[in-house]
């Protein structure tokens, strides 16, 4: 229970920080120093939650839930980036980073799948 509470808290904090960086709070105009601090905190939180905080399943059921969560997160990211690509394509202003992230997501999934099928 403690681990899931920490993960939910980190997700909420990261969402608030990203919204603050994205200028989606109309009532707050941060200074340049505040934006730099927000950016550093957000990047450190992303690195910490992505690489340091590792899940360790204790049984097969938890491992299955972890795999399903990863699959849902991948599909949600792919869907959101595809919608962003379509929306920007309609406006004729496609951001190349969306295409790069989509390619990285798909290629990394294929490479991981091939590696795991071959060596595991």
PDB file of N, CA and C in Angstrom:
ATOM      1  N   UNK A   1       0.823  -1.196   0.000  1.00  0.00           N
ATOM      2  CA  UNK A   1       0.000   0.000   0.000  1.00  0.00           C
ATOM      3  C   UNK A   1       0.868   1.260   0.000  1.00  0.00           C
ATOM      4  N   UNK A   2       1.976   1.211   0.778  1.00  0.00           N
ATOM      5  CA  UNK A   2       2.854   2.373   0.860  1.00  0.00           C
ATOM      6  C   UNK A   2       3.476   2.690  -0.491  1.00  0.00           C
ATOM      7  N   UNK A   3       3.887   1.648  -1.228  1.00  0.00           N
ATOM      8  CA  UNK A   3       4.520   1.836  -2.528  1.00  0.00           C
ATOM      9  C   UNK A   3       3.554   2.487  -3.516  1.00  0.00           C
ATOM     10  N   UNK A   4       2.296   2.064  -3.533  1.00  0.00           N
ATOM     11  CA  UNK A   4       1.338   2.652  -4.467  1.00  0.00           C
ATOM     12  C   UNK A   4       1.007   4.090  -4.080  1.00  0.00           C
ATOM     13  N   UNK A   5       0.990   4.400  -2.790  1.00  0.00           N
ATOM     14  CA  UNK A   5       0.745   5.775  -2.364  1.00  0.00           C
ATOM     15  C   UNK A   5       1.882   6.684  -2.816  1.00  0.00           C
ATOM     16  N   UNK A   6       3.098   6.211  -2.720  1.00  0.00           N
ATOM     17  CA  UNK A   6       4.256   6.987  -3.182  1.00  0.00           C
ATOM     18  C   UNK A   6       4.181   7.197  -4.692  1.00  0.00           C
ATOM     19  N   UNK A   7       3.815   6.162  -5.434  1.00  0.00           N
ATOM     20  CA  UNK A   7       3.724   6.283  -6.887  1.00  0.00           C
ATOM     21  C   UNK A   7       2.625   7.253  -7.300  1.00  0.00           C
ATOM     22  N   UNK A   8       1.481   7.218  -6.603  1.00  0.00           N
ATOM     23  CA  UNK A   8       0.393   8.152  -6.907  1.00  0.00           C
ATOM     24  C   UNK A   8       0.819   9.576  -6.585  1.00  0.00           C
ATOM     25  N   UNK A   9       1.501   9.769  -5.452  1.00  0.00           N
ATOM     26  CA  UNK A   9       1.970  11.104  -5.083  1.00  0.00           C
ATOM     27  C   UNK A   9       2.965  11.638  -6.104  1.00  0.00           C
ATOM     28  N   UNK A  10       3.869  10.803  -6.559  1.00  0.00           N
ATOM     29  CA  UNK A  10       4.856  11.226  -7.559  1.00  0.00           C
ATOM     30  C   UNK A  10       4.163  11.587  -8.872  1.00  0.00           C
ATOM     31  N   UNK A  11       3.170  10.803  -9.274  1.00  0.00           N
ATOM     32  CA  UNK A  11       2.446  11.102 -10.508  1.00  0.00           C
ATOM     33  C   UNK A  11       1.708  12.434 -10.407  1.00  0.00           C
ATOM     34  N   UNK A  12       1.093  12.707  -9.267  1.00  0.00           N
ATOM     35  CA  UNK A  12       0.377  13.973  -9.080  1.00  0.00           C
ATOM     36  C   UNK A  12       1.353  15.147  -9.081  1.00  0.00           C
ATOM     37  N   UNK A  13       2.467  15.019  -8.349  1.00  0.00           N
ATOM     38  CA  UNK A  13       3.458  16.092  -8.306  1.00  0.00           C
ATOM     39  C   UNK A  13       4.038  16.347  -9.690  1.00  0.00           C
ATOM     40  N   UNK A  14       4.352  15.279 -10.424  1.00  0.00           N
ATOM     41  CA  UNK A  14       4.904  15.434 -11.771  1.00  0.00           C
ATOM     42  C   UNK A  14       3.897  16.098 -12.700  1.00  0.00           C
ATOM     43  N   UNK A  15       2.631  15.748 -12.587  1.00  0.00           N
ATOM     44  CA  UNK A  15       1.593  16.369 -13.410  1.00  0.00           C
ATOM     45  C   UNK A  15       1.485  17.859 -13.122  1.00  0.00           C
ATOM     46  N   UNK A  16       1.488  18.233 -11.847  1.00  0.00           N
ATOM     47  CA  UNK A  16       1.408  19.653 -11.483  1.00  0.00           C
ATOM     48  C   UNK A  16       2.627  20.412 -11.989  1.00  0.00           C
ATOM     49  N   UNK A  17       3.812  19.818 -11.850  1.00  0.00           N
ATOM     50  CA  UNK A  17       5.021  20.481 -12.336  1.00  0.00           C
ATOM     51  C   UNK A  17       5.004  20.652 -13.852  1.00  0.00           C
ATOM     52  N   UNK A  18       4.568  19.626 -14.565  1.00  0.00           N
ATOM     53  CA  UNK A  18       4.517  19.728 -16.025  1.00  0.00           C
ATOM     54  C   UNK A  18       3.470  20.742 -16.477  1.00  0.00           C
ATOM     55  N   UNK A  19       2.354  20.807 -15.759  1.00  0.00           N
ATOM     56  CA  UNK A  19       1.355  21.823 -16.088  1.00  0.00           C
ATOM     57  C   UNK A  19       1.899  23.223 -15.820  1.00  0.00           C
ATOM     58  N   UNK A  20       2.666  23.379 -14.746  1.00  0.00           N
ATOM     59  CA  UNK A  20       3.265  24.683 -14.449  1.00  0.00           C
ATOM     60  C   UNK A  20       4.287  25.062 -15.516  1.00  0.00           C
ATOM     61  N   UNK A  21       5.059  24.080 -15.975  1.00  0.00           N
ATOM     62  CA  UNK A  21       6.035  24.360 -17.031  1.00  0.00           C
ATOM     63  C   UNK A  21       5.354  24.661 -18.354  1.00  0.00           C
ATOM     64  N   UNK A  22       4.226  24.021 -18.591  1.00  0.00           N
ATOM     65  CA  UNK A  22       3.516  24.214 -19.850  1.00  0.00           C
ATOM     66  C   UNK A  22       2.687  25.478 -19.894  1.00  0.00           C
ATOM     67  N   UNK A  23       2.773  26.296 -18.857  1.00  0.00           N
ATOM     68  CA  UNK A  23       2.070  27.575 -18.819  1.00  0.00           C
ATOM     69  C   UNK A  23       0.553  27.389 -18.843  1.00  0.00           C
ATOM     70  N   UNK A  24       0.055  26.350 -18.176  1.00  0.00           N
ATOM     71  CA  UNK A  24      -1.377  26.088 -18.168  1.00  0.00           C
ATOM     72  C   UNK A  24      -2.077  26.618 -16.921  1.00  0.00           C
ATOM     73  N   UNK A  25      -1.319  27.266 -16.029  1.00  0.00           N
ATOM     74  CA  UNK A  25      -1.927  27.915 -14.874  1.00  0.00           C
ATOM     75  C   UNK A  25      -2.061  29.398 -15.198  1.00  0.00           C
ATOM     76  N   UNK A  26      -3.269  29.858 -15.558  1.00  0.00           N
ATOM     77  CA  UNK A  26      -3.405  31.255 -15.994  1.00  0.00           C
ATOM     78  C   UNK A  26      -3.234  32.272 -14.860  1.00  0.00           C
ATOM     79  N   UNK A  27      -3.313  31.827 -13.628  1.00  0.00           N
ATOM     80  CA  UNK A  27      -3.242  32.755 -12.502  1.00  0.00           C
ATOM     81  C   UNK A  27      -1.818  32.952 -11.980  1.00  0.00           C
ATOM     82  N   UNK A  28      -0.841  32.267 -12.586  1.00  0.00           N
ATOM     83  CA  UNK A  28       0.525  32.347 -12.080  1.00  0.00           C
ATOM     84  C   UNK A  28       1.484  32.536 -13.237  1.00  0.00           C
ATOM     85  N   UNK A  29       2.249  33.601 -13.171  1.00  0.00           N
ATOM     86  CA  UNK A  29       3.254  33.881 -14.199  1.00  0.00           C
ATOM     87  C   UNK A  29       4.631  33.781 -13.548  1.00  0.00           C
ATOM     88  N   UNK A  30       5.306  32.629 -13.700  1.00  0.00           N
ATOM     89  CA  UNK A  30       6.601  32.458 -13.028  1.00  0.00           C
ATOM     90  C   UNK A  30       7.691  33.301 -13.673  1.00  0.00           C
ATOM     91  N   UNK A  31       8.647  33.687 -12.838  1.00  0.00           N
ATOM     92  CA  UNK A  31       9.807  34.406 -13.361  1.00  0.00           C
ATOM     93  C   UNK A  31      10.733  33.410 -14.047  1.00  0.00           C
ATOM     94  N   UNK A  32      11.794  33.922 -14.659  1.00  0.00           N
ATOM     95  CA  UNK A  32      12.714  33.034 -15.360  1.00  0.00           C
ATOM     96  C   UNK A  32      13.422  32.094 -14.373  1.00  0.00           C
ATOM     97  N   UNK A  33      13.780  32.594 -13.207  1.00  0.00           N
ATOM     98  CA  UNK A  33      14.430  31.754 -12.198  1.00  0.00           C
ATOM     99  C   UNK A  33      13.484  30.655 -11.710  1.00  0.00           C
ATOM    100  N   UNK A  34      12.229  31.003 -11.488  1.00  0.00           N
ATOM    101  CA  UNK A  34      11.254  29.998 -11.060  1.00  0.00           C
ATOM    102  C   UNK A  34      11.045  28.937 -12.131  1.00  0.00           C
ATOM    103  N   UNK A  35      11.037  29.352 -13.392  1.00  0.00           N
ATOM    104  CA  UNK A  35      10.900  28.381 -14.479  1.00  0.00           C
ATOM    105  C   UNK A  35      12.111  27.451 -14.535  1.00  0.00           C
ATOM    106  N   UNK A  36      13.288  27.976 -14.312  1.00  0.00           N
ATOM    107  CA  UNK A  36      14.493  27.145 -14.317  1.00  0.00           C
ATOM    108  C   UNK A  36      14.449  26.135 -13.172  1.00  0.00           C
ATOM    109  N   UNK A  37      14.026  26.584 -11.995  1.00  0.00           N
ATOM    110  CA  UNK A  37      13.916  25.679 -10.857  1.00  0.00           C
ATOM    111  C   UNK A  37      12.849  24.616 -11.119  1.00  0.00           C
ATOM    112  N   UNK A  38      11.713  25.018 -11.673  1.00  0.00           N
ATOM    113  CA  UNK A  38      10.662  24.051 -12.023  1.00  0.00           C
ATOM    114  C   UNK A  38      11.166  23.025 -13.023  1.00  0.00           C
ATOM    115  N   UNK A  39      11.917  23.472 -14.005  1.00  0.00           N
ATOM    116  CA  UNK A  39      12.454  22.563 -15.012  1.00  0.00           C
ATOM    117  C   UNK A  39      13.427  21.570 -14.391  1.00  0.00           C
ATOM    118  N   UNK A  40      14.322  22.041 -13.549  1.00  0.00           N
ATOM    119  CA  UNK A  40      15.294  21.151 -12.913  1.00  0.00           C
ATOM    120  C   UNK A  40      14.582  20.141 -12.010  1.00  0.00           C
ATOM    121  N   UNK A  41      13.631  20.605 -11.211  1.00  0.00           N
ATOM    122  CA  UNK A  41      12.892  19.696 -10.327  1.00  0.00           C
ATOM    123  C   UNK A  41      12.127  18.663 -11.142  1.00  0.00           C
ATOM    124  N   UNK A  42      11.489  19.095 -12.217  1.00  0.00           N
ATOM    125  CA  UNK A  42      10.736  18.162 -13.056  1.00  0.00           C
ATOM    126  C   UNK A  42      11.653  17.130 -13.693  1.00  0.00           C
ATOM    127  N   UNK A  43      12.772  17.559 -14.223  1.00  0.00           N
ATOM    128  CA  UNK A  43      13.716  16.619 -14.839  1.00  0.00           C
ATOM    129  C   UNK A  43      14.270  15.629 -13.821  1.00  0.00           C
ATOM    130  N   UNK A  44      14.615  16.109 -12.623  1.00  0.00           N
ATOM    131  CA  UNK A  44      15.108  15.207 -11.587  1.00  0.00           C
ATOM    132  C   UNK A  44      14.036  14.214 -11.154  1.00  0.00           C
ATOM    133  N   UNK A  45      12.790  14.673 -11.055  1.00  0.00           N
ATOM    134  CA  UNK A  45      11.706  13.778 -10.681  1.00  0.00           C
ATOM    135  C   UNK A  45      11.452  12.733 -11.759  1.00  0.00           C
ATOM    136  N   UNK A  46      11.538  13.129 -13.011  1.00  0.00           N
ATOM    137  CA  UNK A  46      11.355  12.175 -14.110  1.00  0.00           C
ATOM    138  C   UNK A  46      12.471  11.130 -14.097  1.00  0.00           C
ATOM    139  N   UNK A  47      13.703  11.587 -13.931  1.00  0.00           N
ATOM    140  CA  UNK A  47      14.828  10.647 -13.899  1.00  0.00           C
ATOM    141  C   UNK A  47      14.689   9.700 -12.706  1.00  0.00           C
ATOM    142  N   UNK A  48      14.349  10.258 -11.546  1.00  0.00           N
ATOM    143  CA  UNK A  48      14.221   9.417 -10.350  1.00  0.00           C
ATOM    144  C   UNK A  48      13.097   8.404 -10.500  1.00  0.00           C
ATOM    145  N   UNK A  49      11.938   8.855 -10.963  1.00  0.00           N
ATOM    146  CA  UNK A  49      10.813   7.933 -11.065  1.00  0.00           C
ATOM    147  C   UNK A  49      10.985   6.944 -12.209  1.00  0.00           C
ATOM    148  N   UNK A  50      11.734   7.328 -13.232  1.00  0.00           N
ATOM    149  CA  UNK A  50      11.899   6.432 -14.370  1.00  0.00           C
ATOM    150  C   UNK A  50      13.011   5.419 -14.226  1.00  0.00           C
ATOM    151  N   UNK A  51      14.074   5.772 -13.545  1.00  0.00           N
ATOM    152  CA  UNK A  51      15.230   4.885 -13.503  1.00  0.00           C
ATOM    153  C   UNK A  51      15.548   4.333 -12.109  1.00  0.00           C
ATOM    154  N   UNK A  52      15.306   5.092 -11.074  1.00  0.00           N
ATOM    155  CA  UNK A  52      15.725   4.683  -9.739  1.00  0.00           C
ATOM    156  C   UNK A  52      14.634   3.887  -9.043  1.00  0.00           C
ATOM    157  N   UNK A  53      13.396   4.331  -9.172  1.00  0.00           N
ATOM    158  CA  UNK A  53      12.297   3.684  -8.479  1.00  0.00           C
ATOM    159  C   UNK A  53      11.850   2.470  -9.293  1.00  0.00           C
ATOM    160  N   UNK A  54      12.365   1.318  -8.959  1.00  0.00           N
ATOM    161  CA  UNK A  54      12.073   0.106  -9.722  1.00  0.00           C
ATOM    162  C   UNK A  54      11.077  -0.746  -8.961  1.00  0.00           C
ATOM    163  N   UNK A  55      10.170  -1.342  -9.704  1.00  0.00           N
ATOM    164  CA  UNK A  55       9.202  -2.243  -9.096  1.00  0.00           C
ATOM    165  C   UNK A  55       9.795  -3.636  -9.015  1.00  0.00           C
ATOM    166  N   UNK A  56       9.576  -4.272  -7.910  1.00  0.00           N
ATOM    167  CA  UNK A  56      10.044  -5.644  -7.730  1.00  0.00           C
ATOM    168  C   UNK A  56       8.839  -6.517  -7.391  1.00  0.00           C
ATOM    169  N   UNK A  57       8.303  -7.225  -8.364  1.00  0.00           N
ATOM    170  CA  UNK A  57       7.143  -8.071  -8.078  1.00  0.00           C
ATOM    171  C   UNK A  57       7.528  -9.254  -7.192  1.00  0.00           C
ATOM    172  N   UNK A  58       6.609  -9.630  -6.297  1.00  0.00           N
ATOM    173  CA  UNK A  58       6.865 -10.731  -5.373  1.00  0.00           C
ATOM    174  C   UNK A  58       6.273 -12.048  -5.849  1.00  0.00           C
ATOM    175  N   UNK A  59       5.285 -11.983  -6.744  1.00  0.00           N
ATOM    176  CA  UNK A  59       4.707 -13.214  -7.267  1.00  0.00           C
ATOM    177  C   UNK A  59       4.282 -12.991  -8.715  1.00  0.00           C
ATOM    178  N   UNK A  60       3.742 -14.037  -9.319  1.00  0.00           N
ATOM    179  CA  UNK A  60       3.378 -13.974 -10.739  1.00  0.00           C
ATOM    180  C   UNK A  60       2.263 -12.968 -11.001  1.00  0.00           C
ATOM    181  N   UNK A  61       1.350 -12.845 -10.071  1.00  0.00           N
ATOM    182  CA  UNK A  61       0.230 -11.921 -10.257  1.00  0.00           C
ATOM    183  C   UNK A  61       0.724 -10.480 -10.313  1.00  0.00           C
ATOM    184  N   UNK A  62       1.630 -10.112  -9.419  1.00  0.00           N
ATOM    185  CA  UNK A  62       2.183  -8.759  -9.449  1.00  0.00           C
ATOM    186  C   UNK A  62       3.007  -8.526 -10.716  1.00  0.00           C
ATOM    187  N   UNK A  63       3.732  -9.527 -11.164  1.00  0.00           N
ATOM    188  CA  UNK A  63       4.494  -9.397 -12.412  1.00  0.00           C
ATOM    189  C   UNK A  63       3.551  -9.183 -13.598  1.00  0.00           C
ATOM    190  N   UNK A  64       2.432  -9.893 -13.600  1.00  0.00           N
ATOM    191  CA  UNK A  64       1.442  -9.736 -14.668  1.00  0.00           C
ATOM    192  C   UNK A  64       0.833  -8.332 -14.639  1.00  0.00           C
ATOM    193  N   UNK A  65       0.531  -7.825 -13.452  1.00  0.00           N
ATOM    194  CA  UNK A  65      -0.014  -6.473 -13.337  1.00  0.00           C
ATOM    195  C   UNK A  65       0.993  -5.435 -13.819  1.00  0.00           C
ATOM    196  N   UNK A  66       2.271  -5.643 -13.515  1.00  0.00           N
ATOM    197  CA  UNK A  66       3.315  -4.731 -13.973  1.00  0.00           C
ATOM    198  C   UNK A  66       3.415  -4.747 -15.498  1.00  0.00           C
ATOM    199  N   UNK A  67       3.330  -5.927 -16.092  1.00  0.00           N
ATOM    200  CA  UNK A  67       3.384  -6.021 -17.552  1.00  0.00           C
ATOM    201  C   UNK A  67       2.179  -5.342 -18.196  1.00  0.00           C
ATOM    202  N   UNK A  68       0.984  -5.549 -17.629  1.00  0.00           N
ATOM    203  CA  UNK A  68      -0.209  -4.898 -18.170  1.00  0.00           C
ATOM    204  C   UNK A  68      -0.125  -3.380 -18.029  1.00  0.00           C
ATOM    205  N   UNK A  69       0.389  -2.908 -16.896  1.00  0.00           N
ATOM    206  CA  UNK A  69       0.527  -1.466 -16.695  1.00  0.00           C
ATOM    207  C   UNK A  69       1.502  -0.874 -17.712  1.00  0.00           C
ATOM    208  N   UNK A  70       2.598  -1.567 -17.975  1.00  0.00           N
ATOM    209  CA  UNK A  70       3.550  -1.096 -18.981  1.00  0.00           C
ATOM    210  C   UNK A  70       2.944  -1.064 -20.371  1.00  0.00           C
ATOM    211  N   UNK A  71       2.146  -2.079 -20.682  1.00  0.00           N
ATOM    212  CA  UNK A  71       1.502  -2.128 -21.993  1.00  0.00           C
ATOM    213  C   UNK A  71       0.475  -1.001 -22.148  1.00  0.00           C
ATOM    214  N   UNK A  72      -0.301  -0.760 -21.110  1.00  0.00           N
ATOM    215  CA  UNK A  72      -1.293   0.319 -21.164  1.00  0.00           C
ATOM    216  C   UNK A  72      -0.604   1.677 -21.269  1.00  0.00           C
ATOM    217  N   UNK A  73       0.489   1.867 -20.520  1.00  0.00           N
ATOM    218  CA  UNK A  73       1.219   3.136 -20.585  1.00  0.00           C
ATOM    219  C   UNK A  73       1.805   3.355 -21.974  1.00  0.00           C
ATOM    220  N   UNK A  74       2.343   2.298 -22.567  1.00  0.00           N
ATOM    221  CA  UNK A  74       2.898   2.408 -23.920  1.00  0.00           C
ATOM    222  C   UNK A  74       1.808   2.781 -24.917  1.00  0.00           C
ATOM    223  N   UNK A  75       0.682   2.097 -24.841  1.00  0.00           N
ATOM    224  CA  UNK A  75      -0.410   2.379 -25.775  1.00  0.00           C
ATOM    225  C   UNK A  75      -0.996   3.769 -25.558  1.00  0.00           C
ATOM    226  N   UNK A  76      -1.072   4.216 -24.309  1.00  0.00           N
ATOM    227  CA  UNK A  76      -1.582   5.562 -24.035  1.00  0.00           C
ATOM    228  C   UNK A  76      -0.634   6.621 -24.598  1.00  0.00           C
ATOM    229  N   UNK A  77       0.671   6.428 -24.412  1.00  0.00           N
ATOM    230  CA  UNK A  77       1.641   7.365 -24.970  1.00  0.00           C
ATOM    231  C   UNK A  77       1.607   7.385 -26.486  1.00  0.00           C
ATOM    232  N   UNK A  78       1.507   6.199 -27.070  1.00  0.00           N
ATOM    233  CA  UNK A  78       1.433   6.102 -28.526  1.00  0.00           C
ATOM    234  C   UNK A  78       0.175   6.779 -29.051  1.00  0.00           C
ATOM    235  N   UNK A  79      -0.931   6.573 -28.374  1.00  0.00           N
ATOM    236  CA  UNK A  79      -2.189   7.199 -28.784  1.00  0.00           C
ATOM    237  C   UNK A  79      -2.150   8.712 -28.657  1.00  0.00           C
ATOM    238  N   UNK A  80      -1.612   9.196 -27.541  1.00  0.00           N
ATOM    239  CA  UNK A  80      -1.544  10.648 -27.328  1.00  0.00           C
ATOM    240  C   UNK A  80      -0.632  11.308 -28.359  1.00  0.00           C
ATOM    241  N   UNK A  81       0.512  10.695 -28.644  1.00  0.00           N
ATOM    242  CA  UNK A  81       1.412  11.269 -29.640  1.00  0.00           C
ATOM    243  C   UNK A  81       0.823  11.197 -31.044  1.00  0.00           C
ATOM    244  N   UNK A  82       0.080  10.137 -31.338  1.00  0.00           N
ATOM    245  CA  UNK A  82      -0.568  10.036 -32.645  1.00  0.00           C
ATOM    246  C   UNK A  82      -1.635  11.106 -32.805  1.00  0.00           C
ATOM    247  N   UNK A  83      -2.418  11.332 -31.753  1.00  0.00           N
ATOM    248  CA  UNK A  83      -3.434  12.393 -31.806  1.00  0.00           C
ATOM    249  C   UNK A  83      -2.768  13.759 -31.964  1.00  0.00           C
ATOM    250  N   UNK A  84      -1.658  13.981 -31.252  1.00  0.00           N
ATOM    251  CA  UNK A  84      -0.930  15.247 -31.404  1.00  0.00           C
ATOM    252  C   UNK A  84      -0.407  15.405 -32.824  1.00  0.00           C
ATOM    253  N   UNK A  85       0.090  14.316 -33.402  1.00  0.00           N
ATOM    254  CA  UNK A  85       0.603  14.369 -34.770  1.00  0.00           C
ATOM    255  C   UNK A  85      -0.517  14.673 -35.763  1.00  0.00           C
ATOM    256  N   UNK A  86      -1.661  14.053 -35.580  1.00  0.00           N
ATOM    257  CA  UNK A  86      -2.800  14.311 -36.471  1.00  0.00           C
ATOM    258  C   UNK A  86      -3.287  15.745 -36.319  1.00  0.00           C
ATOM    259  N   UNK A  87      -3.396  16.215 -35.066  1.00  0.00           N
ATOM    260  CA  UNK A  87      -3.866  17.576 -34.821  1.00  0.00           C
ATOM    261  C   UNK A  87      -2.915  18.602 -35.424  1.00  0.00           C
ATOM    262  N   UNK A  88      -1.625  18.392 -35.236  1.00  0.00           N
ATOM    263  CA  UNK A  88      -0.668  19.326 -35.819  1.00  0.00           C
ATOM    264  C   UNK A  88      -0.597  19.184 -37.333  1.00  0.00           C
ATOM    265  N   UNK A  89      -0.856  17.999 -37.852  1.00  0.00           N
ATOM    266  CA  UNK A  89      -0.884  17.812 -39.298  1.00  0.00           C
ATOM    267  C   UNK A  89      -2.025  18.576 -39.945  1.00  0.00           C
ATOM    268  N   UNK A  90      -3.146  18.647 -39.257  1.00  0.00           N
ATOM    269  CA  UNK A  90      -4.287  19.414 -39.773  1.00  0.00           C
ATOM    270  C   UNK A  90      -3.937  20.899 -39.840  1.00  0.00           C
ATOM    271  N   UNK A  91      -3.147  21.372 -38.859  1.00  0.00           N
ATOM    272  CA  UNK A  91      -2.740  22.780 -38.831  1.00  0.00           C
ATOM    273  C   UNK A  91      -1.501  23.053 -39.677  1.00  0.00           C
ATOM    274  N   UNK A  92      -0.951  22.029 -40.324  1.00  0.00           N
ATOM    275  CA  UNK A  92       0.263  22.141 -41.139  1.00  0.00           C
ATOM    276  C   UNK A  92       1.452  22.679 -40.336  1.00  0.00           C
ATOM    277  N   UNK A  93       1.556  22.269 -39.075  1.00  0.00           N
ATOM    278  CA  UNK A  93       2.668  22.716 -38.226  1.00  0.00           C
ATOM    279  C   UNK A  93       3.122  21.541 -37.363  1.00  0.00           C
ATOM    280  N   UNK A  94       3.689  20.532 -37.999  1.00  0.00           N
ATOM    281  CA  UNK A  94       4.078  19.321 -37.284  1.00  0.00           C
ATOM    282  C   UNK A  94       5.398  19.542 -36.565  1.00  0.00           C
ATOM    283  N   UNK A  95       5.397  19.263 -35.272  1.00  0.00           N
ATOM    284  CA  UNK A  95       6.601  19.350 -34.464  1.00  0.00           C
ATOM    285  C   UNK A  95       7.426  18.085 -34.702  1.00  0.00           C
ATOM    286  N   UNK A  96       8.673  18.214 -35.130  1.00  0.00           N
ATOM    287  CA  UNK A  96       9.469  17.015 -35.432  1.00  0.00           C
ATOM    288  C   UNK A  96       9.737  16.147 -34.209  1.00  0.00           C
ATOM    289  N   UNK A  97       9.671  16.718 -32.994  1.00  0.00           N
ATOM    290  CA  UNK A  97       9.916  15.921 -31.793  1.00  0.00           C
ATOM    291  C   UNK A  97       8.837  14.869 -31.579  1.00  0.00           C
ATOM    292  N   UNK A  98       7.637  15.140 -32.007  1.00  0.00           N
ATOM    293  CA  UNK A  98       6.569  14.137 -31.882  1.00  0.00           C
ATOM    294  C   UNK A  98       6.901  12.924 -32.732  1.00  0.00           C
ATOM    295  N   UNK A  99       7.378  13.166 -33.932  1.00  0.00           N
ATOM    296  CA  UNK A  99       7.755  12.063 -34.822  1.00  0.00           C
ATOM    297  C   UNK A  99       8.935  11.295 -34.248  1.00  0.00           C
ATOM    298  N   UNK A 100       9.926  12.008 -33.719  1.00  0.00           N
ATOM    299  CA  UNK A 100      11.100  11.358 -33.140  1.00  0.00           C
ATOM    300  C   UNK A 100      10.700  10.487 -31.946  1.00  0.00           C
ATOM    301  N   UNK A 101       9.846  10.998 -31.077  1.00  0.00           N
ATOM    302  CA  UNK A 101       9.421  10.226 -29.906  1.00  0.00           C
ATOM    303  C   UNK A 101       8.615   9.002 -30.331  1.00  0.00           C
ATOM    304  N   UNK A 102       7.745   9.141 -31.305  1.00  0.00           N
ATOM    305  CA  UNK A 102       6.997   7.988 -31.813  1.00  0.00           C
ATOM    306  C   UNK A 102       7.930   6.914 -32.362  1.00  0.00           C
ATOM    307  N   UNK A 103       8.913   7.330 -33.136  1.00  0.00           N
ATOM    308  CA  UNK A 103       9.874   6.377 -33.699  1.00  0.00           C
ATOM    309  C   UNK A 103      10.670   5.695 -32.589  1.00  0.00           C
ATOM    310  N   UNK A 104      11.128   6.458 -31.604  1.00  0.00           N
ATOM    311  CA  UNK A 104      11.889   5.887 -30.492  1.00  0.00           C
ATOM    312  C   UNK A 104      11.041   4.889 -29.715  1.00  0.00           C
ATOM    313  N   UNK A 105       9.776   5.214 -29.470  1.00  0.00           N
ATOM    314  CA  UNK A 105       8.894   4.304 -28.738  1.00  0.00           C
ATOM    315  C   UNK A 105       8.719   2.981 -29.477  1.00  0.00           C
ATOM    316  N   UNK A 106       8.425   3.064 -30.755  1.00  0.00           N
ATOM    317  CA  UNK A 106       8.171   1.851 -31.531  1.00  0.00           C
ATOM    318  C   UNK A 106       9.444   1.027 -31.697  1.00  0.00           C
ATOM    319  N   UNK A 107      10.559   1.677 -32.029  1.00  0.00           N
ATOM    320  CA  UNK A 107      11.811   0.950 -32.234  1.00  0.00           C
ATOM    321  C   UNK A 107      12.293   0.314 -30.931  1.00  0.00           C
ATOM    322  N   UNK A 108      12.182   1.034 -29.817  1.00  0.00           N
ATOM    323  CA  UNK A 108      12.623   0.459 -28.541  1.00  0.00           C
ATOM    324  C   UNK A 108      11.749  -0.714 -28.132  1.00  0.00           C
ATOM    325  N   UNK A 109      10.457  -0.650 -28.418  1.00  0.00           N
ATOM    326  CA  UNK A 109       9.585  -1.780 -28.093  1.00  0.00           C
ATOM    327  C   UNK A 109       9.944  -2.992 -28.944  1.00  0.00           C
ATOM    328  N   UNK A 110      10.183  -2.788 -30.237  1.00  0.00           N
ATOM    329  CA  UNK A 110      10.546  -3.903 -31.117  1.00  0.00           C
ATOM    330  C   UNK A 110      11.895  -4.497 -30.708  1.00  0.00           C
ATOM    331  N   UNK A 111      12.870  -3.629 -30.418  1.00  0.00           N
ATOM    332  CA  UNK A 111      14.199  -4.130 -30.008  1.00  0.00           C
ATOM    333  C   UNK A 111      14.120  -4.889 -28.690  1.00  0.00           C
ATOM    334  N   UNK A 112      13.369  -4.379 -27.745  1.00  0.00           N
ATOM    335  CA  UNK A 112      13.225  -5.079 -26.463  1.00  0.00           C
ATOM    336  C   UNK A 112      12.530  -6.420 -26.655  1.00  0.00           C
ATOM    337  N   UNK A 113      11.533  -6.447 -27.494  1.00  0.00           N
ATOM    338  CA  UNK A 113      10.807  -7.701 -27.761  1.00  0.00           C
ATOM    339  C   UNK A 113      11.734  -8.730 -28.406  1.00  0.00           C
ATOM    340  N   UNK A 114      12.492  -8.311 -29.404  1.00  0.00           N
ATOM    341  CA  UNK A 114      13.424  -9.222 -30.070  1.00  0.00           C
ATOM    342  C   UNK A 114      14.499  -9.715 -29.103  1.00  0.00           C
ATOM    343  N   UNK A 115      15.028  -8.819 -28.295  1.00  0.00           N
ATOM    344  CA  UNK A 115      16.064  -9.207 -27.329  1.00  0.00           C
ATOM    345  C   UNK A 115      15.514 -10.204 -26.310  1.00  0.00           C
ATOM    346  N   UNK A 116      14.342  -9.910 -25.776  1.00  0.00           N
ATOM    347  CA  UNK A 116      13.774 -10.807 -24.754  1.00  0.00           C
ATOM    348  C   UNK A 116      13.386 -12.164 -25.324  1.00  0.00           C
ATOM    349  N   UNK A 117      12.912 -12.199 -26.566  1.00  0.00           N
ATOM    350  CA  UNK A 117      12.577 -13.488 -27.171  1.00  0.00           C
ATOM    351  C   UNK A 117      13.834 -14.304 -27.460  1.00  0.00           C
ATOM    352  N   UNK A 118      14.930 -13.636 -27.745  1.00  0.00           N
ATOM    353  CA  UNK A 118      16.153 -14.354 -28.104  1.00  0.00           C
ATOM    354  C   UNK A 118      16.958 -14.809 -26.882  1.00  0.00           C
ATOM    355  N   UNK A 119      17.054 -13.941 -25.849  1.00  0.00           N
ATOM    356  CA  UNK A 119      17.953 -14.228 -24.737  1.00  0.00           C
ATOM    357  C   UNK A 119      17.256 -14.590 -23.434  1.00  0.00           C
ATOM    358  N   UNK A 120      15.977 -14.539 -23.367  1.00  0.00           N
ATOM    359  CA  UNK A 120      15.292 -14.881 -22.095  1.00  0.00           C
ATOM    360  C   UNK A 120      14.486 -16.146 -22.244  1.00  0.00           C
TER     361      UNK A 120
END
